[in-house]
Amino acid sequence: MRQQDVERIHRDHEIILGLITRIKAECTQNDSVQNCNTCQPNLRMVCRGNIEQLIKSFVEVTLKHNLIE
C-alpha cells in the first residue's frame, strides 16, 4: 500500500469520527429528554433534518473509505 493511501485512510478515519461527534452533538436537549420522540416537535423536525444529512454524509464517506481500504 502506498504512503498516500495510508494517509488518505487516516484522514477518512478523522472525518468519520468527526461526523459521529457532530451527530451526537446535534441534540441540544439531551439532558432533558430521553429520546427524540419526547422532544418538542419544532426542535425535533430541525434536529431530525440535520441528523439525517449528517448520517447521509457518514454513510457516503464510509462507503468511499471501504473502497480504498
N, C-alpha and C. Protein backbone atom coordinates (compact mmCIF):
# COMPACT_ATOMS: atom_id res chain seq x y z
N MET A 1 0.85 -1.17 0.00
CA MET A 1 0.00 0.00 0.00
C MET A 1 0.90 1.24 0.00
N ARG A 2 0.55 2.21 -0.82
CA ARG A 2 1.35 3.43 -0.90
C ARG A 2 1.11 4.33 0.30
N GLN A 3 2.10 5.15 0.60
CA GLN A 3 2.03 6.06 1.74
C GLN A 3 0.84 7.01 1.61
N GLN A 4 0.57 7.49 0.42
CA GLN A 4 -0.54 8.42 0.25
C GLN A 4 -1.89 7.73 0.50
N ASP A 5 -1.97 6.43 0.23
CA ASP A 5 -3.19 5.69 0.53
C ASP A 5 -3.39 5.58 2.05
N VAL A 6 -2.31 5.32 2.75
CA VAL A 6 -2.36 5.23 4.21
C VAL A 6 -2.79 6.57 4.79
N GLU A 7 -2.24 7.65 4.27
CA GLU A 7 -2.61 8.99 4.73
C GLU A 7 -4.08 9.28 4.47
N ARG A 8 -4.56 8.86 3.33
CA ARG A 8 -5.97 9.04 2.98
C ARG A 8 -6.87 8.28 3.94
N ILE A 9 -6.48 7.05 4.28
CA ILE A 9 -7.25 6.24 5.21
C ILE A 9 -7.32 6.93 6.57
N HIS A 10 -6.19 7.46 7.04
CA HIS A 10 -6.18 8.16 8.32
C HIS A 10 -7.06 9.42 8.28
N ARG A 11 -7.00 10.15 7.18
CA ARG A 11 -7.86 11.33 7.02
C ARG A 11 -9.33 10.94 7.05
N ASP A 12 -9.66 9.85 6.34
CA ASP A 12 -11.04 9.36 6.34
C ASP A 12 -11.49 9.01 7.74
N HIS A 13 -10.62 8.35 8.51
CA HIS A 13 -10.98 8.00 9.88
C HIS A 13 -11.28 9.24 10.70
N GLU A 14 -10.49 10.28 10.54
CA GLU A 14 -10.72 11.52 11.26
C GLU A 14 -12.06 12.14 10.86
N ILE A 15 -12.36 12.12 9.58
CA ILE A 15 -13.63 12.67 9.08
C ILE A 15 -14.80 11.86 9.65
N ILE A 16 -14.69 10.54 9.63
CA ILE A 16 -15.75 9.67 10.14
C ILE A 16 -15.98 9.92 11.63
N LEU A 17 -14.91 9.99 12.40
CA LEU A 17 -15.03 10.26 13.84
C LEU A 17 -15.63 11.65 14.08
N GLY A 18 -15.25 12.61 13.26
CA GLY A 18 -15.82 13.95 13.38
C GLY A 18 -17.31 13.96 13.10
N LEU A 19 -17.75 13.19 12.12
CA LEU A 19 -19.18 13.10 11.81
C LEU A 19 -19.94 12.44 12.96
N ILE A 20 -19.36 11.42 13.56
CA ILE A 20 -20.01 10.77 14.71
C ILE A 20 -20.18 11.79 15.84
N THR A 21 -19.15 12.57 16.10
CA THR A 21 -19.21 13.59 17.14
C THR A 21 -20.29 14.62 16.83
N ARG A 22 -20.37 15.04 15.57
CA ARG A 22 -21.38 16.03 15.18
C ARG A 22 -22.80 15.47 15.30
N ILE A 23 -22.98 14.19 14.96
CA ILE A 23 -24.30 13.57 15.09
C ILE A 23 -24.71 13.55 16.56
N LYS A 24 -23.80 13.13 17.43
CA LYS A 24 -24.11 13.09 18.86
C LYS A 24 -24.39 14.48 19.43
N ALA A 25 -23.67 15.48 18.94
CA ALA A 25 -23.81 16.84 19.47
C ALA A 25 -25.03 17.58 18.93
N GLU A 26 -25.67 17.03 17.93
CA GLU A 26 -26.81 17.71 17.30
C GLU A 26 -27.95 17.94 18.27
N CYS A 27 -28.16 17.03 19.20
CA CYS A 27 -29.25 17.17 20.16
C CYS A 27 -28.85 18.16 21.25
N THR A 28 -29.63 19.24 21.35
CA THR A 28 -29.36 20.24 22.38
C THR A 28 -30.19 19.99 23.63
N GLN A 29 -31.06 19.00 23.56
CA GLN A 29 -31.97 18.70 24.67
C GLN A 29 -31.63 17.39 25.37
N ASN A 30 -30.45 16.85 25.12
CA ASN A 30 -30.14 15.51 25.63
C ASN A 30 -30.14 15.41 27.15
N ASP A 31 -30.07 16.53 27.87
CA ASP A 31 -30.15 16.48 29.32
C ASP A 31 -31.60 16.42 29.82
N SER A 32 -32.54 16.87 28.99
CA SER A 32 -33.93 16.96 29.45
C SER A 32 -34.87 15.96 28.80
N VAL A 33 -34.42 15.28 27.74
CA VAL A 33 -35.27 14.28 27.09
C VAL A 33 -34.49 12.96 26.98
N GLN A 34 -35.25 11.87 26.97
CA GLN A 34 -34.60 10.56 26.90
C GLN A 34 -34.40 10.08 25.46
N ASN A 35 -35.25 10.53 24.55
CA ASN A 35 -35.11 10.17 23.14
C ASN A 35 -35.80 11.21 22.28
N CYS A 36 -35.65 11.11 21.00
CA CYS A 36 -36.18 12.11 20.06
C CYS A 36 -37.70 12.24 20.14
N ASN A 37 -38.39 11.16 20.46
CA ASN A 37 -39.85 11.19 20.50
C ASN A 37 -40.40 12.07 21.62
N THR A 38 -39.63 12.32 22.67
CA THR A 38 -40.10 13.15 23.78
C THR A 38 -39.66 14.60 23.64
N CYS A 39 -39.00 14.92 22.57
CA CYS A 39 -38.55 16.30 22.32
C CYS A 39 -39.70 17.14 21.77
N GLN A 40 -39.58 18.46 21.90
CA GLN A 40 -40.59 19.36 21.35
C GLN A 40 -40.66 19.19 19.83
N PRO A 41 -41.86 19.14 19.26
CA PRO A 41 -41.99 18.89 17.82
C PRO A 41 -41.19 19.85 16.93
N ASN A 42 -41.17 21.14 17.25
CA ASN A 42 -40.44 22.08 16.38
C ASN A 42 -38.93 21.83 16.44
N LEU A 43 -38.41 21.48 17.58
CA LEU A 43 -36.99 21.14 17.69
C LEU A 43 -36.68 19.81 17.02
N ARG A 44 -37.59 18.87 17.18
CA ARG A 44 -37.39 17.53 16.62
C ARG A 44 -37.27 17.58 15.10
N MET A 45 -38.09 18.40 14.45
CA MET A 45 -38.05 18.49 12.99
C MET A 45 -36.72 19.03 12.50
N VAL A 46 -36.23 20.09 13.13
CA VAL A 46 -34.95 20.68 12.73
C VAL A 46 -33.82 19.70 13.01
N CYS A 47 -33.81 19.16 14.20
CA CYS A 47 -32.77 18.22 14.61
C CYS A 47 -32.76 17.00 13.68
N ARG A 48 -33.93 16.48 13.41
CA ARG A 48 -34.04 15.28 12.57
C ARG A 48 -33.46 15.55 11.17
N GLY A 49 -33.78 16.69 10.61
CA GLY A 49 -33.25 17.03 9.29
C GLY A 49 -31.73 17.14 9.30
N ASN A 50 -31.20 17.77 10.33
CA ASN A 50 -29.75 17.90 10.45
C ASN A 50 -29.08 16.55 10.64
N ILE A 51 -29.67 15.73 11.49
CA ILE A 51 -29.10 14.40 11.74
C ILE A 51 -29.17 13.54 10.49
N GLU A 52 -30.26 13.62 9.75
CA GLU A 52 -30.37 12.84 8.51
C GLU A 52 -29.28 13.23 7.53
N GLN A 53 -29.01 14.52 7.40
CA GLN A 53 -27.95 14.97 6.49
C GLN A 53 -26.59 14.46 6.94
N LEU A 54 -26.33 14.54 8.25
CA LEU A 54 -25.05 14.06 8.79
C LEU A 54 -24.91 12.54 8.60
N ILE A 55 -26.00 11.82 8.78
CA ILE A 55 -25.94 10.36 8.59
C ILE A 55 -25.69 10.03 7.12
N LYS A 56 -26.31 10.75 6.22
CA LYS A 56 -26.06 10.54 4.79
C LYS A 56 -24.60 10.78 4.46
N SER A 57 -24.03 11.85 5.01
CA SER A 57 -22.61 12.14 4.81
C SER A 57 -21.75 11.03 5.39
N PHE A 58 -22.13 10.55 6.58
CA PHE A 58 -21.39 9.48 7.23
C PHE A 58 -21.37 8.22 6.37
N VAL A 59 -22.54 7.84 5.86
CA VAL A 59 -22.64 6.64 5.03
C VAL A 59 -21.82 6.81 3.76
N GLU A 60 -21.91 7.97 3.13
CA GLU A 60 -21.17 8.22 1.90
C GLU A 60 -19.66 8.12 2.13
N VAL A 61 -19.18 8.77 3.16
CA VAL A 61 -17.74 8.73 3.47
C VAL A 61 -17.30 7.32 3.81
N THR A 62 -18.13 6.61 4.58
CA THR A 62 -17.78 5.25 4.97
C THR A 62 -17.71 4.32 3.76
N LEU A 63 -18.66 4.44 2.84
CA LEU A 63 -18.63 3.61 1.64
C LEU A 63 -17.40 3.89 0.78
N LYS A 64 -17.10 5.16 0.59
CA LYS A 64 -15.90 5.52 -0.18
C LYS A 64 -14.65 5.02 0.51
N HIS A 65 -14.63 5.16 1.82
CA HIS A 65 -13.48 4.72 2.60
C HIS A 65 -13.27 3.21 2.46
N ASN A 66 -14.36 2.45 2.52
CA ASN A 66 -14.26 1.00 2.41
C ASN A 66 -13.72 0.57 1.05
N LEU A 67 -13.98 1.34 0.03
CA LEU A 67 -13.43 1.02 -1.29
C LEU A 67 -11.92 1.18 -1.31
N ILE A 68 -11.41 2.15 -0.58
CA ILE A 68 -9.96 2.38 -0.53
C ILE A 68 -9.29 1.30 0.30
N GLU A 69 -9.88 1.00 1.46
CA GLU A 69 -9.29 0.02 2.35
C GLU A 69 -9.38 -1.35 1.74
